[in-house]
C-alpha atoms as a PDB file:
ATOM      1  CA  MET A   1      60.079  32.089  48.757  1.00  0.00           C
ATOM      2  CA  SER A   2      62.047  32.133  45.510  1.00  0.00           C
ATOM      3  CA  ASP A   3      63.424  28.642  46.241  1.00  0.00           C
ATOM      4  CA  LEU A   4      59.908  27.325  46.819  1.00  0.00           C
ATOM      5  CA  ARG A   5      58.663  28.919  43.585  1.00  0.00           C
ATOM      6  CA  ASP A   6      61.600  27.350  41.719  1.00  0.00           C
ATOM      7  CA  LEU A   7      60.765  23.951  43.206  1.00  0.00           C
ATOM      8  CA  TYR A   8      57.125  24.313  42.161  1.00  0.00           C
ATOM      9  CA  GLN A   9      58.184  25.239  38.616  1.00  0.00           C
ATOM     10  CA  GLU A  10      60.428  22.171  38.562  1.00  0.00           C
ATOM     11  CA  VAL A  11      57.529  19.917  39.588  1.00  0.00           C
ATOM     12  CA  ILE A  12      55.279  21.380  36.890  1.00  0.00           C
ATOM     13  CA  LEU A  13      57.962  21.081  34.198  1.00  0.00           C
ATOM     14  CA  ASP A  14      58.756  17.498  35.202  1.00  0.00           C
ATOM     15  CA  HIS A  15      55.100  16.423  35.025  1.00  0.00           C
ATOM     16  CA  THR A  16      54.681  18.255  31.716  1.00  0.00           C
ATOM     17  CA  LYS A  17      57.704  16.680  30.059  1.00  0.00           C
ATOM     18  CA  HIS A  18      57.242  13.259  31.688  1.00  0.00           C
ATOM     19  CA  PRO A  19      53.535  12.861  32.465  1.00  0.00           C
ATOM     20  CA  ARG A  20      52.715  10.028  34.798  1.00  0.00           C
ATOM     21  CA  ASN A  21      49.920   7.576  34.018  1.00  0.00           C
ATOM     22  CA  PHE A  22      49.483   8.788  30.442  1.00  0.00           C
ATOM     23  CA  GLY A  23      47.255   6.565  28.309  1.00  0.00           C
ATOM     24  CA  ALA A  24      43.896   4.908  28.761  1.00  0.00           C
ATOM     25  CA  LEU A  25      43.014   2.002  31.019  1.00  0.00           C
ATOM     26  CA  GLU A  26      41.946  -1.040  29.044  1.00  0.00           C
ATOM     27  CA  HIS A  27      38.890  -1.793  31.202  1.00  0.00           C
ATOM     28  CA  PRO A  28      37.984   1.298  33.226  1.00  0.00           C
ATOM     29  CA  THR A  29      35.084   1.303  35.643  1.00  0.00           C
ATOM     30  CA  HIS A  30      34.723   5.078  35.287  1.00  0.00           C
ATOM     31  CA  ARG A  31      35.417   7.387  32.368  1.00  0.00           C
ATOM     32  CA  ALA A  32      34.875  11.035  31.510  1.00  0.00           C
ATOM     33  CA  SER A  33      36.160  13.491  28.965  1.00  0.00           C
ATOM     34  CA  GLY A  34      36.837  17.175  29.385  1.00  0.00           C
ATOM     35  CA  ARG A  35      37.864  20.129  27.309  1.00  0.00           C
ATOM     36  CA  ASN A  36      38.922  23.714  27.760  1.00  0.00           C
ATOM     37  CA  PRO A  37      37.831  25.532  24.583  1.00  0.00           C
ATOM     38  CA  LEU A  38      39.783  28.665  25.491  1.00  0.00           C
ATOM     39  CA  CYS A  39      43.160  26.904  25.587  1.00  0.00           C
ATOM     40  CA  GLY A  40      42.377  23.852  23.448  1.00  0.00           C
ATOM     41  CA  ASP A  41      43.053  21.335  26.229  1.00  0.00           C
ATOM     42  CA  GLN A  42      41.299  17.980  25.768  1.00  0.00           C
ATOM     43  CA  LEU A  43      41.550  14.926  27.945  1.00  0.00           C
ATOM     44  CA  VAL A  44      39.943  11.619  28.764  1.00  0.00           C
ATOM     45  CA  LEU A  45      40.270  10.360  32.317  1.00  0.00           C
ATOM     46  CA  THR A  46      39.814   6.646  32.995  1.00  0.00           C
ATOM     47  CA  LEU A  47      39.599   5.117  36.444  1.00  0.00           C
ATOM     48  CA  ASP A  48      39.549   1.658  37.955  1.00  0.00           C
ATOM     49  CA  VAL A  49      37.485   1.865  41.129  1.00  0.00           C
ATOM     50  CA  LEU A  50      36.771  -1.168  43.282  1.00  0.00           C
ATOM     51  CA  GLY A  51      35.001  -1.103  46.623  1.00  0.00           C
ATOM     52  CA  GLY A  52      34.955   2.688  46.614  1.00  0.00           C
ATOM     53  CA  ARG A  53      38.744   2.928  46.224  1.00  0.00           C
ATOM     54  CA  VAL A  54      40.610   4.256  43.172  1.00  0.00           C
ATOM     55  CA  ARG A  55      42.953   1.441  42.185  1.00  0.00           C
ATOM     56  CA  ASP A  56      44.265   3.089  39.025  1.00  0.00           C
ATOM     57  CA  ALA A  57      43.889   6.365  37.149  1.00  0.00           C
ATOM     58  CA  ARG A  58      45.066   7.318  33.685  1.00  0.00           C
ATOM     59  CA  PHE A  59      44.625  10.235  31.340  1.00  0.00           C
ATOM     60  CA  ALA A  60      45.026  10.720  27.613  1.00  0.00           C
ATOM     61  CA  GLY A  61      44.710  13.741  25.405  1.00  0.00           C
ATOM     62  CA  LYS A  62      46.536  16.933  24.613  1.00  0.00           C
ATOM     63  CA  GLY A  63      46.890  20.151  26.480  1.00  0.00           C
ATOM     64  CA  CYS A  64      49.071  22.993  27.617  1.00  0.00           C
ATOM     65  CA  ALA A  65      51.825  22.518  30.188  1.00  0.00           C
ATOM     66  CA  ILE A  66      49.594  23.394  33.152  1.00  0.00           C
ATOM     67  CA  SER A  67      46.781  21.096  32.024  1.00  0.00           C
ATOM     68  CA  THR A  68      49.147  18.178  31.414  1.00  0.00           C
ATOM     69  CA  ALA A  69      50.972  18.649  34.713  1.00  0.00           C
ATOM     70  CA  SER A  70      47.692  18.896  36.602  1.00  0.00           C
ATOM     71  CA  ALA A  71      46.315  15.686  35.050  1.00  0.00           C
ATOM     72  CA  SER A  72      49.576  13.864  35.756  1.00  0.00           C
ATOM     73  CA  LEU A  73      49.645  15.046  39.376  1.00  0.00           C
ATOM     74  CA  LEU A  74      45.957  14.182  39.793  1.00  0.00           C
ATOM     75  CA  THR A  75      46.461  10.569  38.717  1.00  0.00           C
ATOM     76  CA  GLU A  76      49.279  10.152  41.209  1.00  0.00           C
ATOM     77  CA  ALA A  77      47.331  11.843  43.991  1.00  0.00           C
ATOM     78  CA  VAL A  78      44.106   9.823  43.784  1.00  0.00           C
ATOM     79  CA  LYS A  79      45.517   6.315  43.364  1.00  0.00           C
ATOM     80  CA  GLY A  80      44.869   4.229  46.441  1.00  0.00           C
ATOM     81  CA  HIS A  81      42.403   6.690  47.919  1.00  0.00           C
ATOM     82  CA  THR A  82      38.676   6.314  48.387  1.00  0.00           C
ATOM     83  CA  THR A  83      36.328   8.180  46.086  1.00  0.00           C
ATOM     84  CA  GLY A  84      35.348  10.329  49.086  1.00  0.00           C
ATOM     85  CA  GLU A  85      38.987  11.221  49.692  1.00  0.00           C
ATOM     86  CA  ALA A  86      39.394  12.026  45.981  1.00  0.00           C
ATOM     87  CA  HIS A  87      36.398  14.361  46.203  1.00  0.00           C
ATOM     88  CA  GLU A  88      37.842  16.058  49.299  1.00  0.00           C
ATOM     89  CA  LEU A  89      41.163  16.473  47.490  1.00  0.00           C
ATOM     90  CA  PHE A  90      39.323  18.099  44.580  1.00  0.00           C
ATOM     91  CA  GLN A  91      37.711  20.549  47.006  1.00  0.00           C
ATOM     92  CA  ARG A  92      41.043  21.459  48.649  1.00  0.00           C
ATOM     93  CA  PHE A  93      42.769  21.792  45.276  1.00  0.00           C
ATOM     94  CA  HIS A  94      39.984  23.953  43.854  1.00  0.00           C
ATOM     95  CA  ARG A  95      40.054  26.264  46.872  1.00  0.00           C
ATOM     96  CA  ALA A  96      43.833  26.643  46.552  1.00  0.00           C
ATOM     97  CA  VAL A  97      43.775  27.555  42.844  1.00  0.00           C
ATOM     98  CA  THR A  98      40.853  29.950  43.244  1.00  0.00           C
ATOM     99  CA  THR A  99      42.088  31.773  46.360  1.00  0.00           C
ATOM    100  CA  PRO A 100      42.085  35.488  45.511  1.00  0.00           C
ATOM    101  CA  THR A 101      45.435  37.079  44.764  1.00  0.00           C
ATOM    102  CA  GLY A 102      46.723  38.785  47.881  1.00  0.00           C
ATOM    103  CA  GLU A 103      45.483  35.994  50.139  1.00  0.00           C
ATOM    104  CA  GLU A 104      47.611  32.993  51.039  1.00  0.00           C
ATOM    105  CA  PRO A 105      46.124  29.741  49.680  1.00  0.00           C
ATOM    106  CA  ASP A 106      45.763  26.794  52.052  1.00  0.00           C
ATOM    107  CA  VAL A 107      47.937  24.120  50.461  1.00  0.00           C
ATOM    108  CA  SER A 108      48.006  21.808  53.488  1.00  0.00           C
ATOM    109  CA  GLY A 109      47.445  18.219  52.524  1.00  0.00           C
ATOM    110  CA  LEU A 110      48.060  18.885  48.820  1.00  0.00           C
ATOM    111  CA  GLY A 111      51.621  17.587  48.604  1.00  0.00           C
ATOM    112  CA  LYS A 112      53.034  18.137  45.103  1.00  0.00           C
ATOM    113  CA  LEU A 113      49.684  19.565  43.983  1.00  0.00           C
ATOM    114  CA  ALA A 114      50.642  22.732  45.855  1.00  0.00           C
ATOM    115  CA  ALA A 115      52.903  23.490  42.881  1.00  0.00           C
ATOM    116  CA  LEU A 116      49.797  24.475  40.927  1.00  0.00           C
ATOM    117  CA  ALA A 117      48.476  26.958  43.504  1.00  0.00           C
ATOM    118  CA  GLY A 118      50.374  29.737  41.755  1.00  0.00           C
ATOM    119  CA  VAL A 119      48.006  29.612  38.771  1.00  0.00           C
ATOM    120  CA  ARG A 120      45.533  31.599  40.856  1.00  0.00           C
ATOM    121  CA  GLU A 121      47.550  34.658  39.872  1.00  0.00           C
ATOM    122  CA  PHE A 122      46.562  33.976  36.247  1.00  0.00           C
ATOM    123  CA  PRO A 123      42.762  33.465  36.130  1.00  0.00           C
ATOM    124  CA  VAL A 124      42.791  32.079  32.578  1.00  0.00           C
ATOM    125  CA  ARG A 125      45.232  29.361  33.678  1.00  0.00           C
ATOM    126  CA  VAL A 126      42.964  28.249  36.546  1.00  0.00           C
ATOM    127  CA  LYS A 127      40.761  26.567  33.939  1.00  0.00           C
ATOM    128  CA  CYS A 128      43.788  24.701  32.597  1.00  0.00           C
ATOM    129  CA  ALA A 129      44.757  23.491  36.068  1.00  0.00           C
ATOM    130  CA  SER A 130      41.231  22.517  37.106  1.00  0.00           C
ATOM    131  CA  LEU A 131      40.093  20.730  33.911  1.00  0.00           C
ATOM    132  CA  ALA A 132      41.367  17.311  34.978  1.00  0.00           C
ATOM    133  CA  TRP A 133      39.802  17.773  38.415  1.00  0.00           C
ATOM    134  CA  HIS A 134      36.361  18.636  37.059  1.00  0.00           C
ATOM    135  CA  THR A 135      36.723  15.637  34.753  1.00  0.00           C
ATOM    136  CA  LEU A 136      37.518  13.468  37.786  1.00  0.00           C
ATOM    137  CA  GLU A 137      34.345  14.664  39.504  1.00  0.00           C
ATOM    138  CA  ALA A 138      32.337  13.876  36.352  1.00  0.00           C
ATOM    139  CA  ALA A 139      33.860  10.392  36.071  1.00  0.00           C
ATOM    140  CA  LEU A 140      33.101   9.578  39.700  1.00  0.00           C
ATOM    141  CA  ALA A 141      29.538  10.866  39.275  1.00  0.00           C
ATOM    142  CA  GLY A 142      29.029   8.736  36.154  1.00  0.00           C
ATOM    143  CA  ALA A 143      28.377  11.782  33.935  1.00  0.00           C
ATOM    144  CA  SER A 144      27.954  10.973  30.256  1.00  0.00           C
ATOM    145  CA  GLU A 145      28.376  14.485  28.864  1.00  0.00           C
ATOM    146  CA  PRO A 146      31.873  15.922  28.385  1.00  0.00           C
ATOM    147  CA  VAL A 147      33.036  18.440  30.979  1.00  0.00           C
ATOM    148  CA  THR A 148      33.903  21.917  29.761  1.00  0.00           C
ATOM    149  CA  THR A 149      35.551  24.793  31.558  1.00  0.00           C
ATOM    150  CA  GLU A 150      33.267  27.323  29.848  1.00  0.00           C
END
């Protein structure tokens, strides 16, 4: 279990230090902003969706290590998938990070996103990990108001 935890920490550190898909799309079809007032995380998620499929995803902003890693992993995870699949991934991810301590989270189908399941042991950090995901849901729904974790 220690080796797996070390691997997960490596994934989080890598995506924090070298975030993938950082920056804004020039002509997004979907856009939403989100913030976590408790931690100070702020991000803007831009998407290029065509025919119900996410062709590209980018994020910009500033945040803690968990927030940045989560946004980076999210952009990699949703590219090429349908908006329905992205929504299902949000549901699976959210269940994993909110599974009560003492219970084993279901991380099947999450791939590298499973690295963030450990935040469930730190309830304040769940908001950091889920900010990008709630922002994704808002962008896909066409919400005009910023998403907040409070």
